[in-house]
C-alpha atoms as a PDB file:
ATOM      1  CA  MET A   1       6.535   4.617   8.706  1.00  0.00           C
ATOM      2  CA  ALA A   2       7.769   4.359   5.136  1.00  0.00           C
ATOM      3  CA  GLN A   3       6.434   5.740   2.166  1.00  0.00           C
ATOM      4  CA  ILE A   4       6.749   4.534  -1.584  1.00  0.00           C
ATOM      5  CA  THR A   5       5.812   7.209  -4.355  1.00  0.00           C
ATOM      6  CA  PHE A   6       4.825   5.613  -7.868  1.00  0.00           C
ATOM      7  CA  LYS A   7       6.335   6.693 -10.882  1.00  0.00           C
ATOM      8  CA  GLN A   8       2.763   6.826 -12.678  1.00  0.00           C
ATOM      9  CA  THR A   9      -0.603   7.586 -10.895  1.00  0.00           C
ATOM     10  CA  THR A  10      -3.170   4.535 -10.024  1.00  0.00           C
ATOM     11  CA  ASN A  11      -6.333   4.335  -8.432  1.00  0.00           C
ATOM     12  CA  PHE A  12      -7.880   2.882  -4.967  1.00  0.00           C
ATOM     13  CA  THR A  13     -11.194   2.613  -3.940  1.00  0.00           C
ATOM     14  CA  GLY A  14     -11.698   3.675  -0.105  1.00  0.00           C
ATOM     15  CA  ARG A  15     -14.006   5.037   2.089  1.00  0.00           C
ATOM     16  CA  ASN A  16     -14.898   8.027  -0.091  1.00  0.00           C
ATOM     17  CA  GLY A  17     -15.127   6.147  -3.339  1.00  0.00           C
ATOM     18  CA  TYR A  18     -12.796   5.828  -6.083  1.00  0.00           C
ATOM     19  CA  MET A  19      -9.493   8.058  -6.136  1.00  0.00           C
ATOM     20  CA  LYS A  20      -6.047   8.772  -7.683  1.00  0.00           C
ATOM     21  CA  CYS A  21      -3.107   7.067  -5.781  1.00  0.00           C
ATOM     22  CA  SER A  22       0.224   8.227  -5.855  1.00  0.00           C
ATOM     23  CA  GLY A  23       1.948   5.772  -3.916  1.00  0.00           C
ATOM     24  CA  ILE A  24       1.385   3.759  -0.611  1.00  0.00           C
ATOM     25  CA  ASP A  25       2.295   4.301   3.151  1.00  0.00           C
ATOM     26  CA  ILE A  26       3.629   1.607   5.451  1.00  0.00           C
ATOM     27  CA  LEU A  27       3.117   1.717   8.978  1.00  0.00           C
ATOM     28  CA  GLU A  28       4.649  -0.729  11.519  1.00  0.00           C
ATOM     29  CA  CYS A  29       2.287  -1.838  14.283  1.00  0.00           C
ATOM     30  CA  THR A  30       2.889  -4.194  17.130  1.00  0.00           C
ATOM     31  CA  ASP A  31       2.174  -7.410  15.284  1.00  0.00           C
ATOM     32  CA  THR A  32       1.358  -6.209  11.933  1.00  0.00           C
ATOM     33  CA  ILE A  33       2.257  -3.881   9.187  1.00  0.00           C
ATOM     34  CA  MET A  34      -0.406  -1.625   7.700  1.00  0.00           C
ATOM     35  CA  ILE A  35      -0.385  -0.656   4.046  1.00  0.00           C
ATOM     36  CA  ALA A  36      -2.475   2.316   2.967  1.00  0.00           C
ATOM     37  CA  PRO A  37      -2.637   4.257  -0.366  1.00  0.00           C
ATOM     38  CA  LEU A  38      -1.339   7.734  -0.782  1.00  0.00           C
ATOM     39  CA  THR A  39      -3.628  10.172  -2.535  1.00  0.00           C
ATOM     40  CA  SER A  40      -2.649  12.413  -5.286  1.00  0.00           C
ATOM     41  CA  LYS A  41      -2.520  15.180  -2.883  1.00  0.00           C
ATOM     42  CA  GLY A  42       0.025  12.997  -0.439  1.00  0.00           C
ATOM     43  CA  ASN A  43      -2.442  12.329   2.157  1.00  0.00           C
ATOM     44  CA  ILE A  44      -3.250   8.800   3.586  1.00  0.00           C
ATOM     45  CA  GLY A  45      -6.391   7.302   2.092  1.00  0.00           C
ATOM     46  CA  ARG A  46      -9.386   5.923   4.069  1.00  0.00           C
ATOM     47  CA  CYS A  47      -8.426   2.484   3.389  1.00  0.00           C
ATOM     48  CA  ASP A  48      -5.632   0.120   4.485  1.00  0.00           C
ATOM     49  CA  ILE A  49      -4.503  -3.559   4.362  1.00  0.00           C
ATOM     50  CA  THR A  50      -3.182  -5.328   7.490  1.00  0.00           C
ATOM     51  CA  VAL A  51      -0.285  -8.155   7.024  1.00  0.00           C
ATOM     52  CA  PRO A  52       0.739 -10.087   9.915  1.00  0.00           C
ATOM     53  CA  TYR A  53       4.740 -10.221  10.386  1.00  0.00           C
ATOM     54  CA  GLU A  54       4.969 -13.749   9.905  1.00  0.00           C
ATOM     55  CA  SER A  55       3.215 -13.136   6.399  1.00  0.00           C
ATOM     56  CA  ILE A  56       5.558 -10.662   5.143  1.00  0.00           C
ATOM     57  CA  PRO A  57       7.973 -13.000   3.687  1.00  0.00           C
ATOM     58  CA  ASP A  58       5.205 -14.694   1.877  1.00  0.00           C
ATOM     59  CA  LEU A  59       3.846 -11.533   0.403  1.00  0.00           C
ATOM     60  CA  ILE A  60       7.507 -10.314  -0.982  1.00  0.00           C
ATOM     61  CA  GLU A  61       7.941 -13.792  -2.491  1.00  0.00           C
ATOM     62  CA  GLN A  62       4.651 -13.458  -4.664  1.00  0.00           C
ATOM     63  CA  LEU A  63       5.443  -9.808  -5.362  1.00  0.00           C
ATOM     64  CA  LYS A  64       8.654 -10.844  -6.878  1.00  0.00           C
ATOM     65  CA  ALA A  65       7.185 -13.627  -8.751  1.00  0.00           C
ATOM     66  CA  ILE A  66       5.038 -11.147 -10.828  1.00  0.00           C
ATOM     67  CA  LYS A  67       6.728 -10.402 -14.144  1.00  0.00           C
ATOM     68  CA  ALA A  68       6.238  -6.818 -15.332  1.00  0.00           C
ATOM     69  CA  PRO A  69       4.799  -6.688 -19.153  1.00  0.00           C
END
């Protein structure tokens, strides 16, 4: 498990509605990784994105292609 803390608070929509997000939690599973938001209190939020291992290089490539304003 790895966690990334953001320098600024963002938001996410989860099971309990719209909440503040302080970062993400990355969990390694058998054949996927699971990315979940961290709440402003540092708890793992009740929503996630599952990414198959074979798609991780594509995800990284697309994230690198995004230019910050």
